[in-house]
């Protein structure tokens, strides 16, 4: 079975879907691994390393994709790449959750069966395949480094000849995978950390990392959606939530927002008035900028100054740590491939929740019959 790894062409994307470590394991499983020249260069993986791992380096995307049974990518293929995908092939990448999206329709027209990393179930069986959580871990770590670099103060408590320097106060909104990594990283740097979430189950996780859980009186099991994601809250609940957040933000030096819902725009948790109530020199890092942002003043991909507050809206944070992000993603992809392929043959059991739920497009279903069975 031929497996293709094309180079990512979207601007700013530095990751690669398969690293040499994983290429070697795929080769041992019997795959003929074709890697486009330079595919791993931005993540510091050389063509020579892939060759040593048993992969074949090919000159361009057309050569990589020609005759491919399975294609592993990071980002969704662009229109020109879709046209190069062999009809009837399989694709694994970050493709979104919507089976009626433009990319889903394009893939359906090519009769490509596509599996989206975003749709992998959050279950113990699928944990090794959970690329979204892996990338959230990277994003949480990087967000705190951005904040520490932008803040005009030390994070840790310091005892110096000039006297005691008090630690920075960090407030994390959302205690999912990214939020918990924010907490852990900020605590390692010595900050005093508080965290807010509407899901009561995360209280112990927050506290185990040495942070204070804020807002327990608002937390409710009704706020938890399928897969452990937070639901969009009622208007009344949002008013109470914002009042609590506004009060805590006044005392903080750094706010990191991470709140996303399973589908749709990221909820706006931080208003202009809240930003204006913060101390001069404060920093906001909005991890949810890719989804529109949790802060009213966030501009995705930009750094905004409002009064004395700096608001960072980084996008594709995982690509800023390409080597380890690619390694984690590659391991997730390998676990998924091992589930989809057994002894060199496709093992697509549509009664299996991992296969069924992760699939965005069924290539054996005509495009006009819908993108997914």
Protein backbone atom coordinates (compact mmCIF):
# COMPACT_ATOMS: atom_id res chain seq x y z
CA UNK A 1 0.00 0.00 0.00
CA UNK A 2 1.44 3.38 -1.03
CA UNK A 3 1.35 6.18 1.56
CA UNK A 4 2.06 9.77 0.51
CA UNK A 5 3.34 12.68 2.60
CA UNK A 6 3.21 15.91 0.57
CA UNK A 7 4.83 19.17 1.67
CA UNK A 8 2.43 21.63 3.34
CA UNK A 9 1.84 24.68 1.14
CA UNK A 10 -0.31 26.95 3.33
CA UNK A 11 1.64 30.04 4.43
CA UNK A 12 3.01 29.71 7.96
CA UNK A 13 2.47 25.95 8.21
CA UNK A 14 5.76 24.45 9.37
CA UNK A 15 4.56 21.03 10.55
CA UNK A 16 4.73 17.76 8.67
CA UNK A 17 2.27 14.89 9.08
CA UNK A 18 4.90 12.14 9.24
CA UNK A 19 8.32 12.46 10.87
CA UNK A 20 11.19 10.02 10.18
CA UNK A 21 10.50 8.10 13.40
CA UNK A 22 6.97 7.34 12.20
CA UNK A 23 8.04 6.77 8.59
CA UNK A 24 10.25 3.92 9.82
CA UNK A 25 7.34 2.34 11.69
CA UNK A 26 5.05 2.67 8.68
CA UNK A 27 7.68 1.05 6.47
CA UNK A 28 7.93 -1.88 8.89
CA UNK A 29 4.14 -2.26 8.65
CA UNK A 30 4.53 -2.75 4.91
CA UNK A 31 3.70 0.73 3.59
CA UNK A 32 5.62 2.20 0.69
CA UNK A 33 6.17 5.69 2.10
CA UNK A 34 6.68 8.50 -0.45
CA UNK A 35 7.72 11.86 1.00
CA UNK A 36 7.87 15.02 -1.07
CA UNK A 37 11.34 16.60 -1.02
CA UNK A 38 11.58 19.22 1.72
CA UNK A 39 8.33 18.17 3.40
CA UNK A 40 9.97 18.07 6.83
CA UNK A 41 12.50 20.86 6.38
CA UNK A 42 10.53 23.56 8.25
CA UNK A 43 10.25 21.17 11.21
CA UNK A 44 14.00 20.37 11.01
CA UNK A 45 13.62 16.86 9.54
CA UNK A 46 15.94 16.31 6.58
CA UNK A 47 15.28 14.30 3.44
CA UNK A 48 18.27 12.16 4.40
CA UNK A 49 16.58 11.25 7.69
CA UNK A 50 13.48 10.06 5.81
CA UNK A 51 15.59 8.02 3.41
CA UNK A 52 17.39 6.40 6.33
CA UNK A 53 13.99 5.57 7.84
CA UNK A 54 13.00 3.65 4.70
CA UNK A 55 10.94 6.29 2.90
CA UNK A 56 11.38 7.33 -0.73
CA UNK A 57 11.96 11.02 -1.46
CA UNK A 58 10.13 12.26 -4.56
CA UNK A 59 10.59 15.66 -6.26
CA UNK A 60 7.12 17.20 -5.98
CA UNK A 61 3.52 16.78 -4.82
CA UNK A 62 2.41 15.24 -8.10
CA UNK A 63 5.02 12.49 -7.77
CA UNK A 64 4.18 11.96 -4.10
CA UNK A 65 0.44 11.63 -4.67
CA UNK A 66 0.57 9.59 -7.86
CA UNK A 67 -0.90 6.17 -7.14
CA UNK A 68 -1.30 6.89 -3.41
CA UNK A 69 -3.71 4.69 -1.48
CA UNK A 70 -3.43 6.84 1.65
CA UNK A 71 -2.38 10.48 2.05
CA UNK A 72 -1.34 11.98 5.39
CA UNK A 73 -1.39 15.78 5.67
CA UNK A 74 -1.54 18.46 8.35
CA UNK A 75 -3.76 21.06 6.70
CA UNK A 76 -6.69 20.45 4.38
CA UNK A 77 -5.56 20.17 0.76
CA UNK A 78 -5.91 23.24 -1.41
CA UNK A 79 -7.97 22.94 -4.64
CA UNK A 80 -4.90 22.20 -6.76
CA UNK A 81 -3.88 19.46 -4.32
CA UNK A 82 -7.36 17.93 -4.34
CA UNK A 83 -7.10 17.52 -8.11
CA UNK A 84 -3.90 15.51 -7.59
CA UNK A 85 -5.49 13.07 -5.14
CA UNK A 86 -6.14 9.72 -6.82
CA UNK A 87 -9.85 8.94 -7.08
CA UNK A 88 -10.84 6.43 -4.44
CA UNK A 89 -7.86 7.20 -2.22
CA UNK A 90 -8.00 7.88 1.53
CA UNK A 91 -6.94 11.09 3.26
CA UNK A 92 -6.19 11.95 6.90
CA UNK A 93 -5.73 15.63 7.87
CA UNK A 94 -7.22 18.54 9.79
CA UNK A 95 -10.34 19.03 7.67
CA UNK A 96 -12.86 20.53 10.08
CA UNK A 97 -16.04 18.98 11.43
CA UNK A 98 -18.58 20.05 8.81
CA UNK A 99 -19.45 17.31 6.26
CA UNK A 100 -21.09 19.98 4.09
CA UNK A 101 -18.04 22.26 3.95
CA UNK A 102 -16.44 23.27 0.66
CA UNK A 103 -13.44 20.99 1.22
CA UNK A 104 -15.77 18.06 2.01
CA UNK A 105 -17.66 18.62 -1.23
CA UNK A 106 -14.44 18.81 -3.25
CA UNK A 107 -13.19 15.56 -1.73
CA UNK A 108 -16.54 13.86 -2.30
CA UNK A 109 -16.39 14.84 -5.96
CA UNK A 110 -13.05 12.99 -6.19
CA UNK A 111 -14.52 10.00 -4.33
CA UNK A 112 -11.90 10.41 -1.63
CA UNK A 113 -12.68 8.91 1.77
CA UNK A 114 -11.42 11.53 4.24
CA UNK A 115 -10.84 11.32 7.97
CA UNK A 116 -10.64 14.54 10.01
CA UNK A 117 -8.44 14.79 13.08
CA UNK A 118 -10.98 17.19 14.62
CA UNK A 119 -13.66 14.48 14.62
CA UNK A 120 -11.72 11.80 16.52
CA UNK A 121 -13.88 10.75 19.50
CA UNK A 122 -12.66 11.80 22.93
CA UNK A 123 -12.72 8.29 24.33
CA UNK A 124 -10.09 6.11 25.95
CA UNK A 125 -9.95 3.91 22.81
CA UNK A 126 -9.11 6.89 20.63
CA UNK A 127 -6.81 8.71 23.03
CA UNK A 128 -3.62 7.85 21.12
CA UNK A 129 -5.18 9.29 17.96
CA UNK A 130 -6.31 12.59 19.50
CA UNK A 131 -4.28 15.04 17.45
CA UNK A 132 -6.49 17.97 18.45
CA UNK A 133 -5.51 17.49 22.10
CA UNK A 134 -1.86 17.14 21.13
CA UNK A 135 -1.92 20.44 19.26
CA UNK A 136 -3.82 22.08 22.13
CA UNK A 137 -1.00 21.04 24.44
CA UNK A 138 1.49 22.80 22.18
CA UNK A 139 -0.72 25.89 21.98
CA UNK A 140 -1.11 26.14 25.75
CA UNK A 141 2.63 25.90 26.32
CA UNK A 142 3.46 28.45 23.65
CA UNK A 143 0.78 30.91 24.82
CA UNK A 144 2.41 31.25 28.23
CA UNK A 145 5.81 31.84 26.65
CA UNK A 146 4.27 34.61 24.54
CA UNK A 147 2.74 36.11 27.67
CA UNK A 148 5.97 35.87 29.67
CA UNK A 149 7.89 37.52 26.86
CA UNK A 150 5.36 40.34 26.54
CA UNK A 151 4.81 41.00 30.24
CA UNK A 152 6.85 43.76 31.80
CA UNK A 153 7.54 41.77 34.95
CA UNK A 154 9.01 38.51 36.23
CA UNK A 155 6.70 35.53 36.54
CA UNK A 156 8.29 34.01 39.70
CA UNK A 157 8.70 35.29 43.25
CA UNK A 158 12.27 36.60 43.60
CA UNK A 159 14.24 37.48 46.72
CA UNK A 160 16.80 40.03 45.57
CA UNK A 161 19.20 42.62 46.98
CA UNK A 162 16.61 45.17 45.89
CA UNK A 163 13.96 43.46 47.97
CA UNK A 164 11.18 40.95 47.29
CA UNK A 165 9.67 40.83 43.81
CA UNK A 166 6.12 39.50 43.92
CA UNK A 167 5.09 36.87 41.36
CA UNK A 168 2.93 37.63 38.35
CA UNK A 169 -0.74 36.74 38.56
CA UNK A 170 -2.08 34.70 35.65
CA UNK A 171 -5.76 34.06 34.95
CA UNK A 172 -6.62 31.23 32.53
CA UNK A 173 -10.09 31.11 30.98
CA UNK A 174 -10.98 27.55 30.04
CA UNK A 175 -9.41 24.46 31.62
CA UNK A 176 -9.43 22.08 28.68
CA UNK A 177 -6.22 20.58 27.31
CA UNK A 178 -4.77 23.94 26.26
CA UNK A 179 -5.84 25.63 29.48
CA UNK A 180 -4.35 22.95 31.68
CA UNK A 181 -1.05 23.21 29.80
CA UNK A 182 -1.17 26.99 30.29
CA UNK A 183 -1.61 26.45 34.02
CA UNK A 184 1.21 23.91 34.24
CA UNK A 185 3.64 26.07 32.26
CA UNK A 186 2.80 29.28 34.16
CA UNK A 187 3.22 27.44 37.46
CA UNK A 188 6.61 26.09 36.37
CA UNK A 189 7.66 29.68 35.69
CA UNK A 190 6.56 30.60 39.22
CA UNK A 191 3.36 32.58 38.59
CA UNK A 192 0.32 32.59 40.85
CA UNK A 193 -2.42 31.07 38.71
CA UNK A 194 -6.22 31.10 38.77
CA UNK A 195 -8.41 29.30 36.27
CA UNK A 196 -12.06 29.56 35.30
CA UNK A 197 -14.24 26.92 33.63
CA UNK A 198 -17.96 26.16 33.52
CA UNK A 199 -17.37 22.41 33.81
CA UNK A 200 -17.25 21.20 37.43
CA UNK A 201 -15.25 18.09 36.56
CA UNK A 202 -12.08 20.10 35.86
CA UNK A 203 -11.81 21.60 39.35
CA UNK A 204 -9.59 18.82 40.67
CA UNK A 205 -7.38 18.92 37.58
CA UNK A 206 -6.85 22.66 38.02
CA UNK A 207 -6.05 22.27 41.69
CA UNK A 208 -3.69 19.34 41.07
CA UNK A 209 -1.53 21.70 39.01
CA UNK A 210 -1.28 24.19 41.85
CA UNK A 211 -3.82 26.71 40.59
CA UNK A 212 -6.97 28.12 42.19
CA UNK A 213 -10.27 27.16 40.59
CA UNK A 214 -12.59 30.16 40.16
CA UNK A 215 -16.34 30.10 39.63
CA UNK A 216 -17.45 26.82 41.16
CA UNK A 217 -20.82 28.33 41.98
CA UNK A 218 -21.43 28.78 38.26
CA UNK A 219 -20.18 25.36 37.18
CA UNK A 220 -22.81 22.88 36.10
CA UNK A 221 -22.99 19.52 34.40
CA UNK A 222 -25.50 21.16 32.05
CA UNK A 223 -22.56 23.11 30.64
CA UNK A 224 -20.84 19.97 29.35
CA UNK A 225 -21.40 18.79 25.77
CA UNK A 226 -20.66 15.40 24.22
CA UNK A 227 -16.94 14.62 24.32
CA UNK A 228 -16.30 16.84 27.34
CA UNK A 229 -16.45 20.16 25.47
CA UNK A 230 -18.15 23.17 27.03
CA UNK A 231 -21.58 24.09 25.70
CA UNK A 232 -22.59 27.59 24.74
CA UNK A 233 -24.22 29.05 27.84
CA UNK A 234 -27.61 30.66 28.28
CA UNK A 235 -27.83 34.46 28.21
CA UNK A 236 -28.43 34.58 31.99
CA UNK A 237 -25.47 32.33 32.67
CA UNK A 238 -23.25 34.43 30.39
CA UNK A 239 -24.07 37.59 32.37
CA UNK A 240 -23.03 35.92 35.63
CA UNK A 241 -19.93 34.48 34.00
CA UNK A 242 -18.78 37.82 32.64
CA UNK A 243 -19.29 39.54 35.99
CA UNK A 244 -17.06 37.00 37.70
CA UNK A 245 -14.41 37.18 34.97
CA UNK A 246 -14.41 40.99 35.05
CA UNK A 247 -13.76 40.99 38.80
CA UNK A 248 -10.80 38.59 38.56
CA UNK A 249 -9.22 40.35 35.58
CA UNK A 250 -8.74 43.58 37.51
CA UNK A 251 -6.14 41.91 39.72
CA UNK A 252 -4.29 39.95 37.03
CA UNK A 253 -1.15 40.70 35.08
CA UNK A 254 -1.77 38.08 32.38
CA UNK A 255 -4.98 36.62 31.00
CA UNK A 256 -4.94 33.64 28.66
CA UNK A 257 -8.22 32.72 26.99
CA UNK A 258 -8.72 29.21 25.62
CA UNK A 259 -12.49 28.70 25.46
CA UNK A 260 -13.86 26.95 22.38
CA UNK A 261 -17.14 25.19 21.71
CA UNK A 262 -17.43 22.01 19.65
CA UNK A 263 -18.71 23.97 16.66
CA UNK A 264 -19.18 27.58 15.71
CA UNK A 265 -17.47 30.79 16.78
CA UNK A 266 -15.48 30.96 20.00
CA UNK A 267 -17.54 32.61 22.77
CA UNK A 268 -16.71 36.22 23.63
CA UNK A 269 -15.77 36.19 27.32
CA UNK A 270 -13.68 39.36 27.58
CA UNK A 271 -15.30 42.68 26.66
CA UNK A 272 -13.75 46.03 25.87
CA UNK A 273 -14.81 47.26 29.33
CA UNK A 274 -13.01 44.35 31.00
CA UNK A 275 -9.83 45.13 29.08
CA UNK A 276 -10.06 48.77 30.09
CA UNK A 277 -10.36 47.75 33.74
CA UNK A 278 -7.03 45.89 33.69
CA UNK A 279 -3.80 47.32 35.07
CA UNK A 280 -1.45 49.11 32.64
CA UNK A 281 1.15 46.68 31.34
CA UNK A 282 -1.22 43.72 31.46
CA UNK A 283 -1.18 41.13 28.68
CA UNK A 284 -3.94 39.04 27.08
CA UNK A 285 -3.10 36.03 24.92
CA UNK A 286 -6.18 34.77 23.08
CA UNK A 287 -5.57 31.15 22.04
CA UNK A 288 -9.08 31.07 20.58
CA UNK A 289 -8.13 33.65 17.93
CA UNK A 290 -8.37 30.94 15.23
CA UNK A 291 -12.07 30.67 16.09
CA UNK A 292 -12.71 34.41 16.19
CA UNK A 293 -11.32 35.01 19.68
CA UNK A 294 -12.60 35.09 23.25
CA UNK A 295 -11.74 38.78 23.59
CA UNK A 296 -13.86 41.41 21.92
CA UNK A 297 -10.72 43.31 20.82
CA UNK A 298 -8.77 40.35 19.45
CA UNK A 299 -7.64 40.54 15.85
CA UNK A 300 -6.57 37.09 14.63
CA UNK A 301 -2.89 37.06 13.69
CA UNK A 302 -2.22 40.51 15.14
CA UNK A 303 -1.01 42.22 18.32
CA UNK A 304 -3.34 44.98 19.48
CA UNK A 305 -2.57 47.74 21.97
CA UNK A 306 -5.61 49.07 23.82
CA UNK A 307 -4.83 51.63 26.47
CA UNK A 308 -2.09 50.03 28.54
CA UNK A 309 -3.06 46.45 27.66
CA UNK A 310 -1.45 44.30 24.94
CA UNK A 311 -3.71 41.73 23.26
CA UNK A 312 -2.12 38.91 21.28
CA UNK A 313 -4.27 36.97 18.78
CA UNK A 314 -1.92 34.21 17.63
CA UNK A 315 -3.13 31.74 15.00
CA UNK A 316 -1.87 28.23 14.33
CA UNK A 317 0.20 28.24 17.50
CA UNK A 318 1.18 24.61 17.06
CA UNK A 319 3.17 25.56 13.94
CA UNK A 320 5.42 27.77 16.09
CA UNK A 321 6.87 24.66 17.74
CA UNK A 322 7.17 22.55 14.58
CA UNK A 323 9.54 19.79 15.63
CA UNK A 324 7.68 18.48 18.67
CA UNK A 325 4.26 19.39 17.25
CA UNK A 326 5.04 17.28 14.17
CA UNK A 327 6.31 14.44 16.33
CA UNK A 328 3.12 14.39 18.39
CA UNK A 329 0.86 14.71 15.34
CA UNK A 330 2.76 11.98 13.54
CA UNK A 331 2.32 9.57 16.43
CA UNK A 332 -1.41 10.34 16.52
CA UNK A 333 -1.63 9.73 12.78
CA UNK A 334 0.21 6.41 13.10
CA UNK A 335 -2.23 5.22 15.76
CA UNK A 336 -5.18 6.12 13.51
CA UNK A 337 -3.62 4.43 10.47
CA UNK A 338 -3.02 1.27 12.50
CA UNK A 339 -6.72 1.30 13.37
CA UNK A 340 -7.82 1.82 9.76
CA UNK A 341 -5.43 -0.66 8.15
CA UNK A 342 -4.85 -4.25 9.28
CA UNK A 343 -2.23 -6.49 7.67
CA UNK A 344 -2.00 -4.32 4.60
CA UNK A 345 -5.77 -4.17 3.98
CA UNK A 346 -8.35 -1.52 4.78
CA UNK A 347 -10.31 -2.23 7.95
CA UNK A 348 -13.15 0.29 7.61
CA UNK A 349 -15.81 -1.03 9.96
CA UNK A 350 -18.54 1.62 9.79
CA UNK A 351 -20.06 0.31 13.03
CA UNK A 352 -16.84 1.26 14.84
CA UNK A 353 -17.28 4.70 16.45
CA UNK A 354 -13.69 5.73 15.65
CA UNK A 355 -14.06 4.95 11.94
CA UNK A 356 -17.62 6.26 11.69
CA UNK A 357 -17.21 9.47 13.69
CA UNK A 358 -13.80 10.45 12.35
CA UNK A 359 -14.89 10.07 8.73
CA UNK A 360 -15.84 13.39 7.15
CA UNK A 361 -16.37 12.09 3.61
CA UNK A 362 -17.32 8.62 2.37
CA UNK A 363 -15.72 8.24 -1.04
CA UNK A 364 -18.04 5.41 -1.97
CA UNK A 365 -21.04 7.74 -1.62
CA UNK A 366 -21.83 9.83 -4.72
CA UNK A 367 -21.16 13.55 -4.21
CA UNK A 368 -24.81 14.48 -4.84
CA UNK A 369 -25.95 12.04 -2.14
CA UNK A 370 -24.20 13.97 0.62
CA UNK A 371 -20.65 14.12 1.87
CA UNK A 372 -21.10 11.46 4.51
CA UNK A 373 -23.10 8.27 4.79
